[in-house]
Amino acid sequence: MSVYSDVRDGIRRGALAALSEYTNPQVIFSHTNGTEPAESYVVINILSVEQQGRQSNSTMTSLVDNQEVQTITASYEVYVQFSFIGSLSGAMSSSFNQRLGSNPIIEQEFRRNKLGFLRKSQVRRAPQKRETKWVEYHNVDAYFSYSAITQQVVDTIETVILQNLTTGEVYTVPPTPITIP
């Protein structure tokens, strides 16, 4: 899977966990062109997934399926806007905001999906005019860290053979192959 797909799925799972007090909360992604739910719902808008710094490479390789692999870790900062829409939006957004960053069960659910909570905004009320009536909207912005871990097959050198051009002697380094358990 890609970084974006993993982040997207993890954010949704964490949001559902944070809204567990509501029966079957509707959590959708922005820009999906579906019909608007009839009941209160949450829209997840992933605003950015930005790599922070350089990657971290393992100094040792590991043996995976008889191939030497190097582990590479890249860290990302994920910026997400959660929009709560409908008559329950105020209660849902307040409950969500309270649980985000202060509830160990919710924090664990995000961590299970390789996401670490960093910081959040306050709940912002932003009602929207829809034809003839106002609809309640509340927004919460949140930042998460994400670590993408990949493994790359690498070539390895098992021995080096040196030949002294003057004497013709041949040296093998190391003299006997090293076996890594």
C-alpha atoms as a PDB file:
ATOM      1  CA  MET A   1       0.000   0.000   0.000  1.00  0.00           C
ATOM      2  CA  SER A   2       1.012   3.601  -0.379  1.00  0.00           C
ATOM      3  CA  VAL A   3       1.702   6.035   2.435  1.00  0.00           C
ATOM      4  CA  TYR A   4      -1.474   7.983   1.609  1.00  0.00           C
ATOM      5  CA  SER A   5      -3.681   4.862   1.639  1.00  0.00           C
ATOM      6  CA  ASP A   6      -2.236   3.682   4.957  1.00  0.00           C
ATOM      7  CA  VAL A   7      -2.676   7.137   6.508  1.00  0.00           C
ATOM      8  CA  ARG A   8      -6.221   7.433   5.178  1.00  0.00           C
ATOM      9  CA  ASP A   9      -7.287   4.044   6.559  1.00  0.00           C
ATOM     10  CA  GLY A  10      -5.587   4.669   9.912  1.00  0.00           C
ATOM     11  CA  ILE A  11      -7.160   8.106  10.364  1.00  0.00           C
ATOM     12  CA  ARG A  12     -10.621   6.662   9.677  1.00  0.00           C
ATOM     13  CA  ARG A  13     -10.139   3.779  12.130  1.00  0.00           C
ATOM     14  CA  GLY A  14      -8.955   6.204  14.812  1.00  0.00           C
ATOM     15  CA  ALA A  15     -11.868   8.580  14.190  1.00  0.00           C
ATOM     16  CA  LEU A  16     -14.370   5.717  14.465  1.00  0.00           C
ATOM     17  CA  ALA A  17     -12.786   4.662  17.767  1.00  0.00           C
ATOM     18  CA  ALA A  18     -12.983   8.246  19.078  1.00  0.00           C
ATOM     19  CA  LEU A  19     -16.683   8.361  18.162  1.00  0.00           C
ATOM     20  CA  SER A  20     -17.530   4.964  19.670  1.00  0.00           C
ATOM     21  CA  GLU A  21     -20.142   6.460  22.017  1.00  0.00           C
ATOM     22  CA  TYR A  22     -22.329   7.180  18.972  1.00  0.00           C
ATOM     23  CA  THR A  23     -24.295   4.363  17.357  1.00  0.00           C
ATOM     24  CA  ASN A  24     -22.922   3.684  13.879  1.00  0.00           C
ATOM     25  CA  PRO A  25     -21.267   7.091  13.297  1.00  0.00           C
ATOM     26  CA  GLN A  26     -21.018   8.000   9.628  1.00  0.00           C
ATOM     27  CA  VAL A  27     -17.430   8.910   8.784  1.00  0.00           C
ATOM     28  CA  ILE A  28     -16.726   9.773   5.153  1.00  0.00           C
ATOM     29  CA  PHE A  29     -13.880  11.342   3.201  1.00  0.00           C
ATOM     30  CA  SER A  30     -14.082  14.701   1.484  1.00  0.00           C
ATOM     31  CA  HIS A  31     -14.413  14.951  -2.281  1.00  0.00           C
ATOM     32  CA  THR A  32     -16.022  11.529  -2.792  1.00  0.00           C
ATOM     33  CA  ASN A  33     -19.093  12.752  -4.744  1.00  0.00           C
ATOM     34  CA  GLY A  34     -21.555  10.589  -2.811  1.00  0.00           C
ATOM     35  CA  THR A  35     -24.956  11.614  -1.525  1.00  0.00           C
ATOM     36  CA  GLU A  36     -25.010  13.549   1.717  1.00  0.00           C
ATOM     37  CA  PRO A  37     -26.025  11.430   4.725  1.00  0.00           C
ATOM     38  CA  ALA A  38     -29.406  12.276   6.265  1.00  0.00           C
ATOM     39  CA  GLU A  39     -28.092  12.115   9.851  1.00  0.00           C
ATOM     40  CA  SER A  40     -25.148  13.910  11.479  1.00  0.00           C
ATOM     41  CA  TYR A  41     -21.811  12.797  10.053  1.00  0.00           C
ATOM     42  CA  VAL A  42     -18.075  13.452   9.998  1.00  0.00           C
ATOM     43  CA  VAL A  43     -15.985  14.391   6.963  1.00  0.00           C
ATOM     44  CA  ILE A  44     -12.259  13.639   6.984  1.00  0.00           C
ATOM     45  CA  ASN A  45     -10.166  15.916   4.792  1.00  0.00           C
ATOM     46  CA  ILE A  46      -6.480  14.971   4.676  1.00  0.00           C
ATOM     47  CA  LEU A  47      -4.907  18.319   3.859  1.00  0.00           C
ATOM     48  CA  SER A  48      -1.262  17.231   3.655  1.00  0.00           C
ATOM     49  CA  VAL A  49       1.087  14.302   4.146  1.00  0.00           C
ATOM     50  CA  GLU A  50       4.555  15.865   4.276  1.00  0.00           C
ATOM     51  CA  GLN A  51       7.812  13.997   4.759  1.00  0.00           C
ATOM     52  CA  GLN A  52       9.861  15.419   7.617  1.00  0.00           C
ATOM     53  CA  GLY A  53      13.624  15.353   7.275  1.00  0.00           C
ATOM     54  CA  ARG A  54      15.501  12.533   5.606  1.00  0.00           C
ATOM     55  CA  GLN A  55      14.979   8.830   5.829  1.00  0.00           C
ATOM     56  CA  SER A  56      16.686   6.647   8.406  1.00  0.00           C
ATOM     57  CA  ASN A  57      18.549   3.598   7.080  1.00  0.00           C
ATOM     58  CA  SER A  58      19.362   0.550   9.159  1.00  0.00           C
ATOM     59  CA  THR A  59      23.089  -0.055   9.522  1.00  0.00           C
ATOM     60  CA  MET A  60      22.687  -3.818   9.387  1.00  0.00           C
ATOM     61  CA  THR A  61      20.814  -5.944   6.905  1.00  0.00           C
ATOM     62  CA  SER A  62      18.359  -8.686   7.781  1.00  0.00           C
ATOM     63  CA  LEU A  63      17.806 -11.997   6.076  1.00  0.00           C
ATOM     64  CA  VAL A  64      14.269 -12.179   4.656  1.00  0.00           C
ATOM     65  CA  ASP A  65      13.321 -15.037   2.319  1.00  0.00           C
ATOM     66  CA  ASN A  66      17.028 -15.814   1.741  1.00  0.00           C
ATOM     67  CA  GLN A  67      17.692 -12.229   0.636  1.00  0.00           C
ATOM     68  CA  GLU A  68      19.536  -9.498   2.477  1.00  0.00           C
ATOM     69  CA  VAL A  69      17.284  -6.494   3.070  1.00  0.00           C
ATOM     70  CA  GLN A  70      17.900  -3.054   4.495  1.00  0.00           C
ATOM     71  CA  THR A  71      15.149  -1.349   6.495  1.00  0.00           C
ATOM     72  CA  ILE A  72      14.358   2.267   5.597  1.00  0.00           C
ATOM     73  CA  THR A  73      12.134   4.471   7.760  1.00  0.00           C
ATOM     74  CA  ALA A  74      10.678   7.787   6.601  1.00  0.00           C
ATOM     75  CA  SER A  75       8.724  10.073   8.946  1.00  0.00           C
ATOM     76  CA  TYR A  76       5.748  12.153   7.874  1.00  0.00           C
ATOM     77  CA  GLU A  77       3.570  14.851   9.390  1.00  0.00           C
ATOM     78  CA  VAL A  78      -0.108  14.451   8.509  1.00  0.00           C
ATOM     79  CA  TYR A  79      -2.479  17.432   8.679  1.00  0.00           C
ATOM     80  CA  VAL A  80      -6.170  16.492   8.869  1.00  0.00           C
ATOM     81  CA  GLN A  81      -9.375  18.501   9.160  1.00  0.00           C
ATOM     82  CA  PHE A  82     -12.348  16.766  10.772  1.00  0.00           C
ATOM     83  CA  SER A  83     -15.671  18.446   9.914  1.00  0.00           C
ATOM     84  CA  PHE A  84     -18.747  17.524  11.936  1.00  0.00           C
ATOM     85  CA  ILE A  85     -22.031  18.263  10.175  1.00  0.00           C
ATOM     86  CA  GLY A  86     -25.637  18.120  11.355  1.00  0.00           C
ATOM     87  CA  SER A  87     -27.675  18.584  14.504  1.00  0.00           C
ATOM     88  CA  LEU A  88     -25.249  16.485  16.623  1.00  0.00           C
ATOM     89  CA  SER A  89     -22.130  18.173  15.246  1.00  0.00           C
ATOM     90  CA  GLY A  90     -21.482  20.258  18.368  1.00  0.00           C
ATOM     91  CA  ALA A  91     -21.680  17.284  20.723  1.00  0.00           C
ATOM     92  CA  MET A  92     -19.744  14.989  18.376  1.00  0.00           C
ATOM     93  CA  SER A  93     -16.947  17.495  17.779  1.00  0.00           C
ATOM     94  CA  SER A  94     -16.580  18.315  21.487  1.00  0.00           C
ATOM     95  CA  SER A  95     -16.462  14.642  22.449  1.00  0.00           C
ATOM     96  CA  PHE A  96     -14.013  13.874  19.637  1.00  0.00           C
ATOM     97  CA  ASN A  97     -11.770  16.821  20.558  1.00  0.00           C
ATOM     98  CA  GLN A  98     -11.765  15.819  24.233  1.00  0.00           C
ATOM     99  CA  ARG A  99     -10.794  12.211  23.435  1.00  0.00           C
ATOM    100  CA  LEU A 100      -8.132  13.100  20.879  1.00  0.00           C
ATOM    101  CA  GLY A 101      -4.821  13.258  22.730  1.00  0.00           C
ATOM    102  CA  SER A 102      -6.221  12.531  26.189  1.00  0.00           C
ATOM    103  CA  ASN A 103      -7.772   9.060  25.917  1.00  0.00           C
ATOM    104  CA  PRO A 104      -5.240   6.187  26.007  1.00  0.00           C
ATOM    105  CA  ILE A 105      -7.606   3.792  24.195  1.00  0.00           C
ATOM    106  CA  ILE A 106      -7.976   6.200  21.270  1.00  0.00           C
ATOM    107  CA  GLU A 107      -4.248   6.945  21.285  1.00  0.00           C
ATOM    108  CA  GLN A 108      -3.553   3.206  21.121  1.00  0.00           C
ATOM    109  CA  GLU A 109      -5.900   2.814  18.133  1.00  0.00           C
ATOM    110  CA  PHE A 110      -4.001   5.502  16.224  1.00  0.00           C
ATOM    111  CA  ARG A 111      -0.664   3.917  17.207  1.00  0.00           C
ATOM    112  CA  ARG A 112      -1.885   0.527  15.999  1.00  0.00           C
ATOM    113  CA  ASN A 113      -2.179   2.226  12.599  1.00  0.00           C
ATOM    114  CA  LYS A 114       1.345   3.758  12.826  1.00  0.00           C
ATOM    115  CA  LEU A 115      -0.028   7.218  13.632  1.00  0.00           C
ATOM    116  CA  GLY A 116       1.084   9.330  16.577  1.00  0.00           C
ATOM    117  CA  PHE A 117      -1.064  12.226  17.766  1.00  0.00           C
ATOM    118  CA  LEU A 118       0.905  15.497  17.837  1.00  0.00           C
ATOM    119  CA  ARG A 119      -1.468  18.432  18.375  1.00  0.00           C
ATOM    120  CA  LYS A 120      -4.958  19.733  17.636  1.00  0.00           C
ATOM    121  CA  SER A 121      -6.963  22.923  17.297  1.00  0.00           C
ATOM    122  CA  GLN A 122      -9.950  23.939  19.352  1.00  0.00           C
ATOM    123  CA  VAL A 123     -13.437  23.183  18.056  1.00  0.00           C
ATOM    124  CA  ARG A 124     -14.504  25.876  15.592  1.00  0.00           C
ATOM    125  CA  ARG A 125     -18.190  26.480  14.909  1.00  0.00           C
ATOM    126  CA  ALA A 126     -18.878  27.325  11.265  1.00  0.00           C
ATOM    127  CA  PRO A 127     -22.586  26.990  10.384  1.00  0.00           C
ATOM    128  CA  GLN A 128     -23.392  26.862   6.667  1.00  0.00           C
ATOM    129  CA  LYS A 129     -26.428  28.277   4.850  1.00  0.00           C
ATOM    130  CA  ARG A 130     -28.201  25.609   2.781  1.00  0.00           C
ATOM    131  CA  GLU A 131     -30.930  27.042   0.557  1.00  0.00           C
ATOM    132  CA  THR A 132     -33.453  28.073   3.245  1.00  0.00           C
ATOM    133  CA  LYS A 133     -31.904  26.824   6.503  1.00  0.00           C
ATOM    134  CA  TRP A 134     -28.680  26.870   8.465  1.00  0.00           C
ATOM    135  CA  VAL A 135     -26.819  23.601   9.047  1.00  0.00           C
ATOM    136  CA  GLU A 136     -24.483  23.212  12.017  1.00  0.00           C
ATOM    137  CA  TYR A 137     -20.808  22.658  11.157  1.00  0.00           C
ATOM    138  CA  HIS A 138     -17.923  22.241  13.585  1.00  0.00           C
ATOM    139  CA  ASN A 139     -14.282  21.727  12.630  1.00  0.00           C
ATOM    140  CA  VAL A 140     -11.243  20.308  14.407  1.00  0.00           C
ATOM    141  CA  ASP A 141      -7.759  20.281  12.872  1.00  0.00           C
ATOM    142  CA  ALA A 142      -5.260  17.665  14.007  1.00  0.00           C
ATOM    143  CA  TYR A 143      -1.652  16.782  13.273  1.00  0.00           C
ATOM    144  CA  PHE A 144      -0.279  13.246  13.404  1.00  0.00           C
ATOM    145  CA  SER A 145       3.108  11.700  12.823  1.00  0.00           C
ATOM    146  CA  TYR A 146       3.392   8.643  10.596  1.00  0.00           C
ATOM    147  CA  SER A 147       6.333   6.326   9.988  1.00  0.00           C
ATOM    148  CA  ALA A 148       6.585   4.498   6.687  1.00  0.00           C
ATOM    149  CA  ILE A 149       8.832   1.462   6.977  1.00  0.00           C
ATOM    150  CA  THR A 150      10.054  -0.222   3.812  1.00  0.00           C
ATOM    151  CA  GLN A 151      12.547  -2.960   3.138  1.00  0.00           C
ATOM    152  CA  GLN A 152      14.882  -2.907   0.155  1.00  0.00           C
ATOM    153  CA  VAL A 153      16.755  -5.953  -1.140  1.00  0.00           C
ATOM    154  CA  VAL A 154      20.477  -5.135  -1.267  1.00  0.00           C
ATOM    155  CA  ASP A 155      23.487  -6.893  -2.712  1.00  0.00           C
ATOM    156  CA  THR A 156      26.015  -8.139  -0.202  1.00  0.00           C
ATOM    157  CA  ILE A 157      29.686  -9.030  -0.428  1.00  0.00           C
ATOM    158  CA  GLU A 158      30.475 -12.323   1.252  1.00  0.00           C
ATOM    159  CA  THR A 159      34.203 -12.478   0.505  1.00  0.00           C
ATOM    160  CA  VAL A 160      36.877 -10.394  -1.158  1.00  0.00           C
ATOM    161  CA  ILE A 161      39.747 -12.047  -3.000  1.00  0.00           C
ATOM    162  CA  LEU A 162      43.007 -10.080  -3.168  1.00  0.00           C
ATOM    163  CA  GLN A 163      45.965 -11.075  -5.307  1.00  0.00           C
ATOM    164  CA  ASN A 164      49.439  -9.733  -4.657  1.00  0.00           C
ATOM    165  CA  LEU A 165      50.752  -8.896  -8.134  1.00  0.00           C
ATOM    166  CA  THR A 166      54.375  -9.133  -7.002  1.00  0.00           C
ATOM    167  CA  THR A 167      54.309 -12.521  -5.311  1.00  0.00           C
ATOM    168  CA  GLY A 168      51.169 -13.997  -6.844  1.00  0.00           C
ATOM    169  CA  GLU A 169      49.760 -14.862  -3.437  1.00  0.00           C
ATOM    170  CA  VAL A 170      45.960 -14.890  -3.131  1.00  0.00           C
ATOM    171  CA  TYR A 171      44.214 -13.745   0.040  1.00  0.00           C
ATOM    172  CA  THR A 172      40.541 -14.284   0.817  1.00  0.00           C
ATOM    173  CA  VAL A 173      38.931 -11.910   3.302  1.00  0.00           C
ATOM    174  CA  PRO A 174      37.476 -13.265   5.512  1.00  0.00           C
ATOM    175  CA  PRO A 175      39.402 -16.536   5.213  1.00  0.00           C
ATOM    176  CA  THR A 176      36.275 -18.566   5.916  1.00  0.00           C
ATOM    177  CA  PRO A 177      32.697 -17.515   5.107  1.00  0.00           C
ATOM    178  CA  ILE A 178      30.822 -15.969   8.013  1.00  0.00           C
ATOM    179  CA  THR A 179      27.508 -17.583   8.852  1.00  0.00           C
ATOM    180  CA  ILE A 180      24.900 -15.274  10.326  1.00  0.00           C
ATOM    181  CA  PRO A 181      22.367 -17.205  12.418  1.00  0.00           C
END
